[in-house]
Structure formats: C-alpha cells, structure tokens
Amino acid sequence: MPADARGLRPDLALVADLVPHGSRVLDLGCGGGELLDALARTKGCRGTGVEKDPEQVLRAIRRGVPLIELDLDSQLDEFADDSYDVVVLSRTLQAVRHPQQLLEEISRIAPRMVVSMPNFGLWRHRLRLLSGHMPRSKDLPFTWYDTPNLHHATLVDLEALFSRLGLTVEQRIPLDESGRRGRFGGVAANLMAGAGLYVLTR
C-alpha cells in the first residue's frame, strides 16, 4: 500500500488529517510510531504511543516516538481523565478482549477519539462465508487460526455500540479496500467499505 508524502499509508494519512494542530495525542496500538512521528513533524502535536509488539516497539523507539508498553484491556487506568486531546485507535479495537470497556476508557481519557476498524460486512467477506470459508482481504489478511483479531463487526454493529455508549459520531468516513476514502455512503458503506473511520466525541 503506497504511502503519502508524510510517509503514511492512506488510512493513517486520513487519520492525521482529522487530528487538530497542536493536539496532545495518545495512539493506542501505534505500531512503529509512523502516525505520531508525522503528527509531531507536520502539525506540532505532542503524543504518546502504546504498543506491545517487540519489533514495532523498536521501530517506534528508533523514530524517537515516546512509547509505553501497556495492556489495553487492563492498564489504561494509568491515564488520567482528559489527559489528552485526542485518542487514536486505528485498526486496534478488533484485537482487544473487551472493546466496549476500551471505548469507555478512551472517552474518559480524551474528549475526541479517532477510531477505525475493518468491516466484516464487506461484500467480499459475505461471498467467502457463502462459499464456506472465513473472510480474508487486505483489511483482514489473516487465516482464521493465525489472526490477532478477536472480534469481527460490521459498520452497523460498530455504530450501534457507539450509540449505546453515548458516543457521538461527528464524522464517518468509509474506506475502500486500499485504505482510501470511499465514494459510497449511507447503507451502501456497510456492503462496500473495507473499513470504517470515525471521529467520535462524548
């Protein structure tokens, strides 16, 4: 997947555009720190990454990104209320044990959240299920027995959870299978989007 001028893959470039200049950013599941590095260089943001994969941790450290190793399911109480302006949760929600609890925690930590998650309702996934196989795609590239993903949801499911938690969807951006902004909206997004990107407020 080609990167933009800031060295970011397309979906992370969209995330970066949604973060206001000068924000304090907490990036949960930050990978190698690409997003926080770009935000610091281009938007004057200060941030902290949370990551547990050893190789990604090393990449983030080499970039000079401030990083903490924490369990997202049990250790976010180490962050005080409103200690950040924005929490980013990019393609991470499906890999934690307790997604609802995690969303509740990040809404406490910051008033603004940028969340993305693969869409299990994509038409390709439905066809694979009809053929008797678990879905695989660019957004869900793993085999069923070797995946870090614990939860699968459609965009309809995800938005219902946001509503139940009292989170307001300020912006909804369906992403195509290359991670770029899709040209479909409304109910079509649940069928056509490879993932959904949301700006949430509490």
Protein backbone atom coordinates (compact mmCIF):
# COMPACT_ATOMS: atom_id res chain seq x y z
CA MET A 1 0.00 0.00 0.00
CA PRO A 2 1.76 3.22 -1.14
CA ALA A 3 2.44 5.95 1.41
CA ASP A 4 1.58 9.64 1.16
CA ALA A 5 4.11 12.50 1.25
CA ARG A 6 4.39 12.17 5.03
CA GLY A 7 5.35 8.51 4.73
CA LEU A 8 1.94 7.31 5.91
CA ARG A 9 -0.25 4.61 4.41
CA PRO A 10 -3.53 6.04 3.08
CA ASP A 11 -5.76 5.29 6.07
CA LEU A 12 -3.24 6.78 8.52
CA ALA A 13 -2.93 9.87 6.32
CA LEU A 14 -6.69 10.35 6.72
CA VAL A 15 -6.36 9.88 10.48
CA ALA A 16 -3.61 12.52 10.57
CA ASP A 17 -5.85 14.97 8.74
CA LEU A 18 -8.52 14.52 11.44
CA VAL A 19 -6.18 15.45 14.32
CA PRO A 20 -6.15 19.20 15.11
CA HIS A 21 -2.84 21.09 15.11
CA GLY A 22 -1.05 21.17 18.43
CA SER A 23 -3.07 18.34 19.97
CA ARG A 24 -1.92 16.04 22.74
CA VAL A 25 -2.37 12.62 21.12
CA LEU A 26 -2.49 9.14 22.60
CA ASP A 27 -2.10 6.48 19.89
CA LEU A 28 -3.18 3.05 21.14
CA GLY A 29 -1.69 0.24 19.09
CA CYS A 30 0.69 2.72 17.49
CA GLY A 31 2.74 0.17 15.54
CA GLY A 32 6.10 1.61 14.59
CA GLY A 33 5.08 5.15 15.54
CA GLU A 34 4.59 6.42 11.97
CA LEU A 35 1.47 8.44 12.78
CA LEU A 36 2.83 10.15 15.90
CA ASP A 37 6.08 10.95 14.11
CA ALA A 38 4.17 12.56 11.22
CA LEU A 39 1.87 14.49 13.58
CA ALA A 40 4.85 15.86 15.52
CA ARG A 41 6.66 16.92 12.31
CA THR A 42 3.74 18.40 10.37
CA LYS A 43 1.16 19.52 12.95
CA GLY A 44 3.13 20.34 16.08
CA CYS A 45 1.41 17.62 18.10
CA ARG A 46 2.82 16.01 21.21
CA GLY A 47 1.98 12.40 21.77
CA THR A 48 2.47 9.03 23.36
CA GLY A 49 2.21 5.64 21.73
CA VAL A 50 1.15 2.37 23.29
CA GLU A 51 2.35 -0.84 21.64
CA LYS A 52 3.23 -4.36 22.74
CA ASP A 53 4.74 -5.98 19.63
CA PRO A 54 8.52 -6.03 20.28
CA GLU A 55 9.54 -5.32 16.68
CA GLN A 56 7.14 -2.40 16.41
CA VAL A 57 8.28 -1.05 19.77
CA LEU A 58 11.88 -0.96 18.48
CA ARG A 59 10.79 0.84 15.30
CA ALA A 60 8.94 3.48 17.33
CA ILE A 61 11.90 3.97 19.66
CA ARG A 62 14.22 4.44 16.68
CA ARG A 63 11.87 7.15 15.41
CA GLY A 64 12.11 8.89 18.77
CA VAL A 65 8.41 8.40 19.50
CA PRO A 66 7.55 8.40 23.25
CA LEU A 67 6.16 4.96 23.94
CA ILE A 68 4.66 2.98 26.80
CA GLU A 69 4.10 -0.77 26.88
CA LEU A 70 0.68 -1.39 28.47
CA ASP A 71 -2.13 -3.90 28.25
CA LEU A 72 -5.03 -2.07 26.57
CA ASP A 73 -7.53 -4.34 28.29
CA SER A 74 -6.42 -3.71 31.85
CA GLN A 75 -3.95 -0.84 32.29
CA LEU A 76 -5.50 2.28 30.76
CA ASP A 77 -6.45 3.46 34.24
CA GLU A 78 -2.87 4.74 34.39
CA PHE A 79 -4.04 7.67 32.22
CA ALA A 80 -5.90 10.46 33.99
CA ASP A 81 -9.22 11.90 32.82
CA ASP A 82 -8.78 14.39 29.97
CA SER A 83 -5.02 13.88 29.95
CA TYR A 84 -5.04 14.01 26.12
CA ASP A 85 -6.97 15.96 23.49
CA VAL A 86 -7.31 13.05 21.05
CA VAL A 87 -7.07 9.28 21.37
CA VAL A 88 -6.35 7.36 18.16
CA LEU A 89 -7.44 3.74 17.93
CA SER A 90 -6.52 2.68 14.41
CA ARG A 91 -7.38 -0.92 13.47
CA THR A 92 -6.87 -1.99 17.06
CA LEU A 93 -10.36 -2.33 18.55
CA GLN A 94 -10.93 -5.76 16.99
CA ALA A 95 -7.77 -7.14 18.61
CA VAL A 96 -8.59 -6.41 22.26
CA ARG A 97 -10.57 -8.66 24.58
CA HIS A 98 -13.04 -6.03 25.76
CA PRO A 99 -13.89 -3.48 23.02
CA GLN A 100 -16.73 -1.85 24.96
CA GLN A 101 -14.56 -1.31 28.03
CA LEU A 102 -11.77 0.11 25.85
CA LEU A 103 -14.12 2.63 24.23
CA GLU A 104 -15.35 3.69 27.65
CA GLU A 105 -11.76 4.22 28.79
CA ILE A 106 -10.68 6.28 25.80
CA SER A 107 -13.74 8.51 26.11
CA ARG A 108 -12.58 9.27 29.65
CA ILE A 109 -9.00 9.98 28.59
CA ALA A 110 -9.85 12.44 25.80
CA PRO A 111 -12.92 14.33 24.57
CA ARG A 112 -12.18 13.42 20.93
CA MET A 113 -11.49 9.96 19.53
CA VAL A 114 -10.45 8.79 16.06
CA VAL A 115 -11.34 5.13 15.64
CA SER A 116 -11.04 2.80 12.66
CA MET A 117 -11.93 -0.86 12.31
CA PRO A 118 -12.18 -3.40 9.47
CA ASN A 119 -15.72 -4.01 8.19
CA PHE A 120 -16.75 -7.67 8.40
CA GLY A 121 -19.84 -6.79 6.33
CA LEU A 122 -17.82 -6.12 3.15
CA TRP A 123 -19.40 -7.90 0.17
CA ARG A 124 -16.26 -9.99 -0.43
CA HIS A 125 -16.44 -11.31 3.12
CA ARG A 126 -20.09 -12.26 2.66
CA LEU A 127 -19.26 -14.18 -0.50
CA ARG A 128 -16.44 -16.09 1.20
CA LEU A 129 -18.77 -17.04 4.04
CA LEU A 130 -21.31 -18.29 1.49
CA SER A 131 -18.56 -20.43 -0.05
CA GLY A 132 -17.91 -21.96 3.38
CA HIS A 133 -14.70 -20.08 4.23
CA MET A 134 -13.80 -17.40 6.74
CA PRO A 135 -13.24 -13.98 5.12
CA ARG A 136 -9.81 -12.77 4.03
CA SER A 137 -8.99 -9.41 2.46
CA LYS A 138 -6.49 -6.55 2.66
CA ASP A 139 -8.16 -5.44 5.88
CA LEU A 140 -8.47 -8.99 7.27
CA PRO A 141 -5.45 -10.74 5.75
CA PHE A 142 -5.04 -13.50 8.32
CA THR A 143 -6.17 -17.11 8.32
CA TRP A 144 -8.73 -17.97 10.99
CA TYR A 145 -6.15 -19.91 13.04
CA ASP A 146 -3.42 -17.27 12.89
CA THR A 147 -5.23 -13.99 13.42
CA PRO A 148 -4.70 -11.38 16.14
CA ASN A 149 -8.32 -10.28 15.67
CA LEU A 150 -10.65 -11.44 18.43
CA HIS A 151 -13.81 -9.64 17.29
CA HIS A 152 -15.44 -9.04 13.94
CA ALA A 153 -18.14 -6.45 13.39
CA THR A 154 -19.99 -4.76 10.57
CA LEU A 155 -20.20 -0.97 10.47
CA VAL A 156 -23.82 -1.27 11.59
CA ASP A 157 -22.73 -3.28 14.65
CA LEU A 158 -19.95 -0.83 15.44
CA GLU A 159 -22.17 2.23 15.20
CA ALA A 160 -24.76 0.57 17.44
CA LEU A 161 -22.07 0.13 20.10
CA PHE A 162 -21.05 3.80 19.79
CA SER A 163 -24.68 4.79 20.30
CA ARG A 164 -25.11 2.51 23.32
CA LEU A 165 -22.05 4.09 24.95
CA GLY A 166 -23.37 7.62 24.34
CA LEU A 167 -20.60 8.47 21.86
CA THR A 168 -21.49 10.95 19.13
CA VAL A 169 -20.32 10.19 15.59
CA GLU A 170 -19.01 13.56 14.46
CA GLN A 171 -17.64 12.19 11.21
CA ARG A 172 -17.91 8.82 9.42
CA ILE A 173 -15.52 8.00 6.59
CA PRO A 174 -15.97 4.66 4.77
CA LEU A 175 -12.62 3.39 3.48
CA ASP A 176 -12.15 1.34 0.33
CA GLU A 177 -10.02 -1.79 0.30
CA SER A 178 -6.87 0.28 -0.30
CA GLY A 179 -7.49 2.36 2.82
CA ARG A 180 -8.59 5.45 0.88
CA ARG A 181 -11.78 7.45 1.33
CA GLY A 182 -14.59 5.53 -0.34
CA ARG A 183 -17.14 7.09 -2.65
CA PHE A 184 -20.07 5.34 -1.03
CA GLY A 185 -22.18 6.41 1.91
CA GLY A 186 -25.33 5.54 3.79
CA VAL A 187 -26.31 1.90 3.97
CA ALA A 188 -24.08 1.08 0.97
CA ALA A 189 -20.99 1.62 3.14
CA ASN A 190 -21.77 -1.48 5.19
CA LEU A 191 -21.58 -3.53 1.98
CA MET A 192 -18.81 -1.73 0.10
CA ALA A 193 -16.36 -0.42 2.72
CA GLY A 194 -13.27 -2.38 3.66
CA ALA A 195 -13.15 -0.44 6.94
CA GLY A 196 -14.77 2.45 8.71
CA LEU A 197 -13.05 5.53 10.12
CA TYR A 198 -14.88 7.58 12.75
CA VAL A 199 -14.40 10.80 14.67
CA LEU A 200 -16.21 10.41 18.00
CA THR A 201 -16.97 12.81 20.81
CA ARG A 202 -18.50 12.06 24.16
